[in-house]
């Protein structure tokens, strides 16, 4: 019974990934399938088509092992150290600017959420 439950969870997660890949191919503009998949999963969770219990264990497993998914990307980046070295200043500026923008957006989102939550209490 546990095996069937885990297979179902894997099927749901990979099914959403597959559907997002199909949607990506059908769109007339470029949008990453991973973003489409996250939006699709969010919509399914909000509409209660998929409940958190349906994907909880496999999602926890994937999140717990997330660093292993970055190993291939880091290894492939190491092949391009000369390109990184030549563009180091631009990369550092981009990282710092995007970090500041991300922090500012997070602060604004939290403030807006607090304001909305306090408005609902009154």
N, C-alpha and C. Protein backbone atom coordinates (compact mmCIF):
# COMPACT_ATOMS: atom_id res chain seq x y z
N UNK A 1 0.82 -1.20 0.00
CA UNK A 1 0.00 0.00 0.00
C UNK A 1 0.86 1.26 0.00
N UNK A 2 1.97 1.23 0.75
CA UNK A 2 2.87 2.37 0.81
C UNK A 2 3.52 2.60 -0.55
N UNK A 3 3.89 1.51 -1.23
CA UNK A 3 4.52 1.62 -2.55
C UNK A 3 3.56 2.28 -3.53
N UNK A 4 2.31 1.90 -3.49
CA UNK A 4 1.31 2.49 -4.39
C UNK A 4 1.14 3.98 -4.11
N UNK A 5 1.16 4.35 -2.83
CA UNK A 5 1.03 5.75 -2.45
C UNK A 5 2.21 6.56 -2.99
N UNK A 6 3.41 6.03 -2.84
CA UNK A 6 4.60 6.72 -3.32
C UNK A 6 4.62 6.82 -4.84
N UNK A 7 4.21 5.75 -5.51
CA UNK A 7 4.13 5.79 -6.97
C UNK A 7 3.10 6.81 -7.45
N UNK A 8 2.00 6.92 -6.74
CA UNK A 8 0.99 7.91 -7.08
C UNK A 8 1.54 9.32 -6.93
N UNK A 9 2.27 9.57 -5.84
CA UNK A 9 2.86 10.89 -5.62
C UNK A 9 3.88 11.23 -6.71
N UNK A 10 4.72 10.25 -7.05
CA UNK A 10 5.69 10.46 -8.12
C UNK A 10 4.97 10.72 -9.44
N UNK A 11 3.91 9.98 -9.69
CA UNK A 11 3.13 10.16 -10.91
C UNK A 11 2.52 11.54 -11.01
N UNK A 12 1.99 12.04 -9.90
CA UNK A 12 1.40 13.39 -9.91
C UNK A 12 2.47 14.43 -10.21
N UNK A 13 3.60 14.34 -9.52
CA UNK A 13 4.66 15.34 -9.70
C UNK A 13 5.22 15.29 -11.11
N UNK A 14 5.55 14.10 -11.59
CA UNK A 14 6.10 14.00 -12.95
C UNK A 14 5.04 14.27 -14.01
N UNK A 15 3.79 13.98 -13.73
CA UNK A 15 2.71 14.31 -14.66
C UNK A 15 2.59 15.81 -14.85
N UNK A 16 2.68 16.56 -13.76
CA UNK A 16 2.63 18.02 -13.85
C UNK A 16 3.85 18.53 -14.62
N UNK A 17 5.01 17.93 -14.37
CA UNK A 17 6.21 18.32 -15.13
C UNK A 17 6.04 18.05 -16.62
N UNK A 18 5.48 16.91 -16.95
CA UNK A 18 5.28 16.55 -18.36
C UNK A 18 4.28 17.49 -19.03
N UNK A 19 3.18 17.78 -18.33
CA UNK A 19 2.18 18.70 -18.88
C UNK A 19 2.78 20.08 -19.09
N UNK A 20 3.62 20.52 -18.15
CA UNK A 20 4.24 21.84 -18.30
C UNK A 20 5.20 21.85 -19.50
N UNK A 21 5.88 20.73 -19.76
CA UNK A 21 6.74 20.64 -20.95
C UNK A 21 5.89 20.76 -22.23
N UNK A 22 4.74 20.10 -22.23
CA UNK A 22 3.85 20.17 -23.40
C UNK A 22 3.32 21.58 -23.60
N UNK A 23 2.97 22.24 -22.51
CA UNK A 23 2.48 23.62 -22.60
C UNK A 23 3.58 24.53 -23.12
N UNK A 24 4.82 24.32 -22.65
CA UNK A 24 5.95 25.13 -23.10
C UNK A 24 6.13 25.02 -24.62
N UNK A 25 6.00 23.81 -25.14
CA UNK A 25 6.16 23.59 -26.58
C UNK A 25 5.03 24.25 -27.37
N UNK A 26 3.84 24.32 -26.79
CA UNK A 26 2.68 24.87 -27.49
C UNK A 26 2.61 26.39 -27.45
N UNK A 27 3.28 27.01 -26.49
CA UNK A 27 3.21 28.47 -26.37
C UNK A 27 3.96 29.15 -27.52
N UNK A 28 3.41 30.26 -27.99
CA UNK A 28 4.09 30.98 -29.08
C UNK A 28 5.25 31.86 -28.59
N UNK A 29 5.45 31.95 -27.28
CA UNK A 29 6.54 32.73 -26.70
C UNK A 29 7.34 31.84 -25.76
N UNK A 30 8.50 32.31 -25.35
CA UNK A 30 9.38 31.51 -24.50
C UNK A 30 9.01 31.68 -23.04
N UNK A 31 8.78 30.57 -22.38
CA UNK A 31 8.55 30.55 -20.93
C UNK A 31 9.04 29.20 -20.42
N UNK A 32 9.86 29.21 -19.36
CA UNK A 32 10.41 27.94 -18.87
C UNK A 32 9.33 26.99 -18.37
N UNK A 33 9.50 25.72 -18.68
CA UNK A 33 8.53 24.71 -18.25
C UNK A 33 8.48 24.61 -16.74
N UNK A 34 9.59 24.88 -16.06
CA UNK A 34 9.60 24.81 -14.60
C UNK A 34 8.67 25.86 -13.99
N UNK A 35 8.64 27.05 -14.58
CA UNK A 35 7.73 28.10 -14.09
C UNK A 35 6.29 27.71 -14.39
N UNK A 36 6.04 27.21 -15.58
CA UNK A 36 4.69 26.76 -15.94
C UNK A 36 4.24 25.66 -14.99
N UNK A 37 5.14 24.73 -14.66
CA UNK A 37 4.81 23.64 -13.75
C UNK A 37 4.48 24.14 -12.35
N UNK A 38 5.24 25.13 -11.87
CA UNK A 38 4.95 25.67 -10.54
C UNK A 38 3.60 26.38 -10.51
N UNK A 39 3.31 27.14 -11.56
CA UNK A 39 2.02 27.83 -11.63
C UNK A 39 0.88 26.81 -11.75
N UNK A 40 1.10 25.78 -12.53
CA UNK A 40 0.09 24.72 -12.68
C UNK A 40 -0.15 24.01 -11.36
N UNK A 41 0.93 23.67 -10.65
CA UNK A 41 0.78 23.02 -9.34
C UNK A 41 0.08 23.93 -8.35
N UNK A 42 0.44 25.21 -8.36
CA UNK A 42 -0.23 26.17 -7.47
C UNK A 42 -1.72 26.23 -7.78
N UNK A 43 -2.07 26.29 -9.06
CA UNK A 43 -3.48 26.34 -9.44
C UNK A 43 -4.21 25.08 -8.99
N UNK A 44 -3.59 23.92 -9.17
CA UNK A 44 -4.22 22.67 -8.75
C UNK A 44 -4.38 22.60 -7.24
N UNK A 45 -3.41 23.15 -6.50
CA UNK A 45 -3.53 23.16 -5.04
C UNK A 45 -4.60 24.15 -4.58
N UNK A 46 -4.66 25.32 -5.20
CA UNK A 46 -5.66 26.32 -4.83
C UNK A 46 -7.06 25.83 -5.15
N UNK A 47 -7.21 25.18 -6.29
CA UNK A 47 -8.53 24.65 -6.68
C UNK A 47 -8.87 23.35 -5.97
N UNK A 48 -7.95 22.86 -5.16
CA UNK A 48 -8.10 21.62 -4.38
C UNK A 48 -8.28 20.38 -5.26
N UNK A 49 -7.77 20.45 -6.48
CA UNK A 49 -7.74 19.26 -7.34
C UNK A 49 -6.69 18.31 -6.80
N UNK A 50 -5.56 18.89 -6.40
CA UNK A 50 -4.48 18.13 -5.75
C UNK A 50 -4.38 18.65 -4.33
N UNK A 51 -4.40 17.76 -3.37
CA UNK A 51 -4.25 18.15 -1.97
C UNK A 51 -2.80 17.97 -1.57
N UNK A 52 -2.37 18.70 -0.56
CA UNK A 52 -0.97 18.61 -0.14
C UNK A 52 -0.61 17.19 0.31
N UNK A 53 -1.58 16.47 0.84
CA UNK A 53 -1.32 15.10 1.27
C UNK A 53 -0.98 14.20 0.09
N UNK A 54 -1.46 14.58 -1.11
CA UNK A 54 -1.21 13.77 -2.30
C UNK A 54 0.25 13.80 -2.74
N UNK A 55 0.98 14.85 -2.37
CA UNK A 55 2.36 14.99 -2.83
C UNK A 55 3.34 15.25 -1.69
N UNK A 56 2.89 15.20 -0.46
CA UNK A 56 3.70 15.60 0.70
C UNK A 56 5.01 14.82 0.83
N UNK A 57 4.96 13.50 0.85
CA UNK A 57 6.16 12.70 1.13
C UNK A 57 7.21 12.85 0.04
N UNK A 58 6.80 12.78 -1.21
CA UNK A 58 7.77 12.91 -2.31
C UNK A 58 8.31 14.33 -2.41
N UNK A 59 7.48 15.32 -2.12
CA UNK A 59 7.95 16.70 -2.12
C UNK A 59 8.98 16.92 -1.03
N UNK A 60 8.72 16.38 0.15
CA UNK A 60 9.68 16.49 1.25
C UNK A 60 10.99 15.80 0.89
N UNK A 61 10.90 14.64 0.24
CA UNK A 61 12.11 13.91 -0.18
C UNK A 61 12.91 14.74 -1.19
N UNK A 62 12.23 15.30 -2.18
CA UNK A 62 12.92 16.09 -3.20
C UNK A 62 13.56 17.34 -2.60
N UNK A 63 12.86 18.00 -1.68
CA UNK A 63 13.43 19.18 -1.04
C UNK A 63 14.61 18.83 -0.14
N UNK A 64 14.53 17.70 0.54
CA UNK A 64 15.64 17.29 1.42
C UNK A 64 16.89 16.97 0.62
N UNK A 65 16.74 16.52 -0.62
CA UNK A 65 17.88 16.15 -1.46
C UNK A 65 18.16 17.17 -2.55
N UNK A 66 17.66 18.36 -2.41
CA UNK A 66 17.81 19.40 -3.42
C UNK A 66 19.26 19.71 -3.79
N UNK A 67 20.20 19.76 -2.83
CA UNK A 67 21.59 20.07 -3.22
C UNK A 67 22.16 19.11 -4.27
N UNK A 68 21.75 17.86 -4.27
CA UNK A 68 22.27 16.90 -5.24
C UNK A 68 21.86 17.25 -6.67
N UNK A 69 20.75 17.97 -6.83
CA UNK A 69 20.30 18.34 -8.17
C UNK A 69 21.15 19.45 -8.77
N UNK A 70 21.93 20.16 -7.92
CA UNK A 70 22.77 21.25 -8.40
C UNK A 70 24.17 20.78 -8.80
N UNK A 71 24.54 19.57 -8.47
CA UNK A 71 25.89 19.08 -8.78
C UNK A 71 26.16 19.10 -10.29
N UNK A 72 25.28 18.59 -11.15
CA UNK A 72 25.58 18.65 -12.60
C UNK A 72 25.74 20.08 -13.11
N UNK A 73 24.95 21.01 -12.59
CA UNK A 73 25.05 22.39 -13.04
C UNK A 73 26.39 23.00 -12.63
N UNK A 74 26.83 22.74 -11.43
CA UNK A 74 28.11 23.27 -10.95
C UNK A 74 29.27 22.67 -11.74
N UNK A 75 29.19 21.38 -12.02
CA UNK A 75 30.25 20.73 -12.79
C UNK A 75 30.33 21.31 -14.19
N UNK A 76 29.18 21.55 -14.81
CA UNK A 76 29.20 22.12 -16.16
C UNK A 76 29.69 23.56 -16.15
N UNK A 77 29.43 24.31 -15.08
CA UNK A 77 29.93 25.68 -14.98
C UNK A 77 31.46 25.67 -14.90
N UNK A 78 32.02 24.67 -14.25
CA UNK A 78 33.47 24.60 -14.10
C UNK A 78 34.18 24.47 -15.44
N UNK A 79 33.49 24.02 -16.47
CA UNK A 79 34.08 23.92 -17.80
C UNK A 79 34.30 25.30 -18.42
N UNK A 80 33.62 26.32 -17.91
CA UNK A 80 33.67 27.65 -18.50
C UNK A 80 34.32 28.67 -17.57
N UNK A 81 35.34 28.27 -16.82
CA UNK A 81 35.99 29.20 -15.88
C UNK A 81 36.64 30.37 -16.61
N UNK A 82 37.14 30.15 -17.81
CA UNK A 82 37.76 31.26 -18.55
C UNK A 82 36.73 32.33 -18.92
N UNK A 83 35.54 31.92 -19.30
CA UNK A 83 34.47 32.87 -19.61
C UNK A 83 34.04 33.61 -18.34
N UNK A 84 33.93 32.88 -17.24
CA UNK A 84 33.56 33.51 -15.97
C UNK A 84 34.62 34.52 -15.54
N UNK A 85 35.89 34.16 -15.68
CA UNK A 85 36.98 35.04 -15.28
C UNK A 85 36.97 36.32 -16.11
N UNK A 86 36.69 36.22 -17.40
CA UNK A 86 36.68 37.40 -18.29
C UNK A 86 35.51 38.33 -17.99
N UNK A 87 34.43 37.81 -17.45
CA UNK A 87 33.23 38.60 -17.18
C UNK A 87 32.93 38.72 -15.69
N UNK A 88 33.95 38.63 -14.86
CA UNK A 88 33.76 38.59 -13.41
C UNK A 88 33.09 39.85 -12.87
N UNK A 89 33.54 41.02 -13.31
CA UNK A 89 32.97 42.27 -12.81
C UNK A 89 31.48 42.36 -13.16
N UNK A 90 31.15 42.05 -14.39
CA UNK A 90 29.74 42.11 -14.80
C UNK A 90 28.89 41.12 -14.01
N UNK A 91 29.42 39.93 -13.78
CA UNK A 91 28.67 38.93 -13.01
C UNK A 91 28.45 39.36 -11.57
N UNK A 92 29.48 39.96 -10.96
CA UNK A 92 29.34 40.42 -9.57
C UNK A 92 28.32 41.55 -9.49
N UNK A 93 28.37 42.49 -10.44
CA UNK A 93 27.40 43.59 -10.45
C UNK A 93 25.98 43.05 -10.62
N UNK A 94 25.80 42.13 -11.53
CA UNK A 94 24.48 41.54 -11.75
C UNK A 94 23.98 40.83 -10.50
N UNK A 95 24.86 40.08 -9.84
CA UNK A 95 24.47 39.37 -8.62
C UNK A 95 24.08 40.33 -7.50
N UNK A 96 24.86 41.39 -7.32
CA UNK A 96 24.57 42.35 -6.25
C UNK A 96 23.28 43.09 -6.54
N UNK A 97 23.10 43.56 -7.77
CA UNK A 97 21.89 44.30 -8.12
C UNK A 97 20.65 43.41 -8.00
N UNK A 98 20.74 42.19 -8.50
CA UNK A 98 19.58 41.30 -8.41
C UNK A 98 19.28 40.93 -6.97
N UNK A 99 20.31 40.81 -6.12
CA UNK A 99 20.09 40.51 -4.71
C UNK A 99 19.37 41.67 -4.03
N UNK A 100 19.79 42.89 -4.31
CA UNK A 100 19.14 44.06 -3.70
C UNK A 100 17.69 44.15 -4.17
N UNK A 101 17.45 43.94 -5.45
CA UNK A 101 16.07 43.98 -5.96
C UNK A 101 15.22 42.88 -5.33
N UNK A 102 15.80 41.68 -5.16
CA UNK A 102 15.06 40.57 -4.53
C UNK A 102 14.73 40.90 -3.09
N UNK A 103 15.71 41.44 -2.35
CA UNK A 103 15.45 41.82 -0.96
C UNK A 103 14.35 42.88 -0.89
N UNK A 104 14.42 43.90 -1.76
CA UNK A 104 13.41 44.96 -1.75
C UNK A 104 12.03 44.40 -2.08
N UNK A 105 11.95 43.52 -3.06
CA UNK A 105 10.66 42.93 -3.43
C UNK A 105 10.11 42.09 -2.28
N UNK A 106 10.99 41.39 -1.58
CA UNK A 106 10.55 40.57 -0.44
C UNK A 106 10.02 41.45 0.67
N UNK A 107 10.72 42.54 0.96
CA UNK A 107 10.26 43.47 2.00
C UNK A 107 8.90 44.04 1.64
N UNK A 108 8.74 44.47 0.40
CA UNK A 108 7.45 45.03 -0.03
C UNK A 108 6.34 43.99 0.03
N UNK A 109 6.64 42.76 -0.36
CA UNK A 109 5.63 41.71 -0.31
C UNK A 109 5.22 41.40 1.12
N UNK A 110 6.18 41.35 2.03
CA UNK A 110 5.86 41.08 3.43
C UNK A 110 5.05 42.22 4.03
N UNK A 111 5.44 43.45 3.74
CA UNK A 111 4.67 44.60 4.25
C UNK A 111 3.25 44.60 3.71
N UNK A 112 3.09 44.30 2.43
CA UNK A 112 1.75 44.24 1.84
C UNK A 112 0.94 43.12 2.46
N UNK A 113 1.56 41.98 2.69
CA UNK A 113 0.86 40.85 3.31
C UNK A 113 0.42 41.20 4.73
N UNK A 114 1.29 41.84 5.49
CA UNK A 114 0.94 42.25 6.86
C UNK A 114 -0.21 43.25 6.83
N UNK A 115 -0.16 44.19 5.89
CA UNK A 115 -1.22 45.19 5.78
C UNK A 115 -2.55 44.52 5.43
N UNK A 116 -2.53 43.57 4.51
CA UNK A 116 -3.76 42.87 4.12
C UNK A 116 -4.28 42.03 5.28
N UNK A 117 -3.39 41.33 5.98
CA UNK A 117 -3.80 40.49 7.11
C UNK A 117 -4.38 41.36 8.24
N UNK A 118 -3.79 42.51 8.51
CA UNK A 118 -4.33 43.40 9.54
C UNK A 118 -5.66 43.99 9.11
N UNK A 119 -5.83 44.24 7.81
CA UNK A 119 -7.10 44.77 7.30
C UNK A 119 -8.22 43.77 7.44
N UNK A 120 -7.92 42.50 7.31
CA UNK A 120 -8.94 41.46 7.44
C UNK A 120 -9.38 41.29 8.90
N UNK A 121 -8.47 41.55 9.83
CA UNK A 121 -8.80 41.41 11.25
C UNK A 121 -9.76 42.49 11.71
N UNK A 122 -9.68 43.67 11.07
CA UNK A 122 -10.53 44.80 11.49
C UNK A 122 -11.87 44.72 10.88
